[in-house]
Amino acid sequence: MMEQILLKGKPIRLAVLDYGLFEVHHGARLMRLAQDRDALVIFGHSPQQWPGLHQAPAWFT
């Protein structure tokens, strides 16, 4: 599975990896960092999470 990430306007392609253990390890690390910093993790394209997020422009008015 190839994915693209946009960094400062330049798309890069990630190497093909075995996402099994890799994904779980880094997902757990991300959630731990977010919890330590009282940060909100926004899951891309999550229809379950989207209605609960503050959205512009209504949030700013």
N, C-alpha and C. Protein backbone atom coordinates (compact mmCIF):
# COMPACT_ATOMS: atom_id res chain seq x y z
N MET A 1 0.84 -1.17 0.00
CA MET A 1 0.00 0.00 0.00
C MET A 1 0.89 1.24 0.00
N MET A 2 0.73 2.08 -0.97
CA MET A 2 1.51 3.30 -1.04
C MET A 2 0.65 4.46 -0.54
N GLU A 3 1.23 5.31 0.25
CA GLU A 3 0.53 6.48 0.76
C GLU A 3 1.33 7.71 0.40
N GLN A 4 0.67 8.85 0.41
CA GLN A 4 1.35 10.11 0.18
C GLN A 4 1.13 11.02 1.38
N ILE A 5 2.15 11.79 1.68
CA ILE A 5 2.07 12.77 2.75
C ILE A 5 2.46 14.11 2.15
N LEU A 6 1.74 15.17 2.53
CA LEU A 6 2.03 16.49 2.02
C LEU A 6 2.77 17.27 3.10
N LEU A 7 4.03 17.60 2.83
CA LEU A 7 4.84 18.38 3.75
C LEU A 7 5.27 19.66 3.04
N LYS A 8 4.79 20.79 3.51
CA LYS A 8 5.15 22.08 2.93
C LYS A 8 4.94 22.10 1.43
N GLY A 9 3.86 21.50 0.98
CA GLY A 9 3.51 21.56 -0.43
C GLY A 9 4.20 20.56 -1.33
N LYS A 10 5.08 19.73 -0.77
CA LYS A 10 5.80 18.76 -1.59
C LYS A 10 5.34 17.34 -1.22
N PRO A 11 4.67 16.63 -2.12
CA PRO A 11 4.25 15.27 -1.79
C PRO A 11 5.44 14.31 -1.78
N ILE A 12 5.45 13.41 -0.81
CA ILE A 12 6.48 12.38 -0.76
C ILE A 12 5.77 11.03 -0.67
N ARG A 13 6.41 9.99 -1.11
CA ARG A 13 5.82 8.66 -1.04
C ARG A 13 6.53 7.86 0.04
N LEU A 14 5.74 7.21 0.86
CA LEU A 14 6.31 6.36 1.90
C LEU A 14 6.70 5.01 1.31
N ALA A 15 7.72 4.43 1.88
CA ALA A 15 8.12 3.10 1.45
C ALA A 15 7.04 2.10 1.83
N VAL A 16 6.95 1.04 1.09
CA VAL A 16 5.99 -0.02 1.41
C VAL A 16 6.52 -0.75 2.65
N LEU A 17 5.69 -0.84 3.67
CA LEU A 17 6.09 -1.46 4.92
C LEU A 17 5.07 -2.51 5.34
N ASP A 18 5.51 -3.39 6.22
CA ASP A 18 4.58 -4.31 6.85
C ASP A 18 3.88 -3.51 7.94
N TYR A 19 2.64 -3.11 7.71
CA TYR A 19 1.96 -2.20 8.61
C TYR A 19 1.46 -2.85 9.89
N GLY A 20 1.53 -4.14 10.03
CA GLY A 20 1.02 -4.81 11.22
C GLY A 20 1.55 -4.24 12.52
N LEU A 21 2.71 -4.68 12.96
CA LEU A 21 3.31 -4.25 14.22
C LEU A 21 3.71 -2.78 14.15
N PHE A 22 4.22 -2.34 13.00
CA PHE A 22 4.65 -0.95 12.80
C PHE A 22 3.51 0.01 13.13
N GLU A 23 2.34 -0.26 12.59
CA GLU A 23 1.18 0.62 12.76
C GLU A 23 0.72 0.64 14.22
N VAL A 24 0.67 -0.49 14.85
CA VAL A 24 0.23 -0.58 16.24
C VAL A 24 1.21 0.16 17.15
N HIS A 25 2.49 -0.04 16.94
CA HIS A 25 3.53 0.59 17.77
C HIS A 25 3.44 2.11 17.67
N HIS A 26 3.37 2.63 16.45
CA HIS A 26 3.36 4.08 16.27
C HIS A 26 2.01 4.69 16.63
N GLY A 27 0.94 3.96 16.44
CA GLY A 27 -0.37 4.44 16.87
C GLY A 27 -0.43 4.58 18.38
N ALA A 28 0.11 3.60 19.09
CA ALA A 28 0.14 3.64 20.55
C ALA A 28 1.03 4.79 21.02
N ARG A 29 2.15 5.00 20.34
CA ARG A 29 3.05 6.11 20.70
C ARG A 29 2.35 7.45 20.50
N LEU A 30 1.66 7.61 19.38
CA LEU A 30 0.94 8.85 19.11
C LEU A 30 -0.11 9.12 20.19
N MET A 31 -0.88 8.11 20.54
CA MET A 31 -1.92 8.28 21.56
C MET A 31 -1.31 8.60 22.93
N ARG A 32 -0.17 7.99 23.25
CA ARG A 32 0.51 8.27 24.52
C ARG A 32 1.01 9.73 24.54
N LEU A 33 1.60 10.19 23.44
CA LEU A 33 2.06 11.58 23.35
C LEU A 33 0.89 12.55 23.47
N ALA A 34 -0.20 12.25 22.81
CA ALA A 34 -1.39 13.11 22.88
C ALA A 34 -1.92 13.17 24.31
N GLN A 35 -1.97 12.05 24.98
CA GLN A 35 -2.47 12.03 26.35
C GLN A 35 -1.55 12.82 27.28
N ASP A 36 -0.23 12.67 27.11
CA ASP A 36 0.73 13.40 27.94
C ASP A 36 0.61 14.91 27.77
N ARG A 37 0.20 15.35 26.58
CA ARG A 37 0.11 16.78 26.28
C ARG A 37 -1.32 17.30 26.28
N ASP A 38 -2.26 16.47 26.71
CA ASP A 38 -3.68 16.82 26.70
C ASP A 38 -4.10 17.33 25.32
N ALA A 39 -3.65 16.62 24.28
CA ALA A 39 -3.92 17.01 22.89
C ALA A 39 -5.07 16.19 22.32
N LEU A 40 -5.72 16.75 21.33
CA LEU A 40 -6.81 16.08 20.63
C LEU A 40 -6.25 15.44 19.36
N VAL A 41 -6.48 14.17 19.18
CA VAL A 41 -6.08 13.48 17.96
C VAL A 41 -7.28 13.46 17.03
N ILE A 42 -7.09 14.03 15.84
CA ILE A 42 -8.16 14.05 14.84
C ILE A 42 -7.86 12.97 13.82
N PHE A 43 -8.76 12.02 13.71
CA PHE A 43 -8.60 10.92 12.77
C PHE A 43 -9.14 11.37 11.42
N GLY A 44 -8.32 11.30 10.40
CA GLY A 44 -8.73 11.76 9.08
C GLY A 44 -9.88 10.95 8.52
N HIS A 45 -10.85 11.63 8.00
CA HIS A 45 -11.99 11.02 7.32
C HIS A 45 -12.79 10.09 8.23
N SER A 46 -12.94 10.45 9.50
CA SER A 46 -13.72 9.63 10.42
C SER A 46 -15.13 10.21 10.54
N PRO A 47 -16.13 9.55 9.95
CA PRO A 47 -17.49 10.07 10.05
C PRO A 47 -18.03 10.04 11.48
N GLN A 48 -17.48 9.20 12.35
CA GLN A 48 -17.93 9.15 13.73
C GLN A 48 -17.40 10.35 14.52
N GLN A 49 -16.18 10.78 14.25
CA GLN A 49 -15.58 11.86 15.01
C GLN A 49 -15.98 13.24 14.48
N TRP A 50 -16.21 13.37 13.19
CA TRP A 50 -16.43 14.66 12.55
C TRP A 50 -17.54 15.50 13.19
N PRO A 51 -18.72 14.96 13.50
CA PRO A 51 -19.78 15.80 14.08
C PRO A 51 -19.41 16.42 15.43
N GLY A 52 -18.50 15.82 16.16
CA GLY A 52 -18.11 16.34 17.46
C GLY A 52 -17.00 17.37 17.43
N LEU A 53 -16.43 17.64 16.26
CA LEU A 53 -15.34 18.60 16.14
C LEU A 53 -15.87 20.00 15.87
N HIS A 54 -15.18 21.00 16.40
CA HIS A 54 -15.54 22.40 16.12
C HIS A 54 -15.15 22.69 14.67
N GLN A 55 -16.06 23.28 13.93
CA GLN A 55 -15.82 23.52 12.51
C GLN A 55 -16.04 24.98 12.17
N ALA A 56 -15.19 25.50 11.29
CA ALA A 56 -15.31 26.89 10.83
C ALA A 56 -16.39 26.97 9.78
N PRO A 57 -17.02 28.08 9.57
CA PRO A 57 -16.82 29.36 10.27
C PRO A 57 -17.66 29.50 11.53
N ALA A 58 -18.62 28.62 11.77
CA ALA A 58 -19.52 28.77 12.92
C ALA A 58 -18.76 28.84 14.25
N TRP A 59 -17.68 28.10 14.36
CA TRP A 59 -16.91 28.07 15.61
C TRP A 59 -16.34 29.45 15.93
N PHE A 60 -16.01 30.24 14.91
CA PHE A 60 -15.36 31.53 15.11
C PHE A 60 -16.33 32.70 15.18
N THR A 61 -17.63 32.46 15.01
CA THR A 61 -18.59 33.57 15.04
C THR A 61 -19.31 33.65 16.36
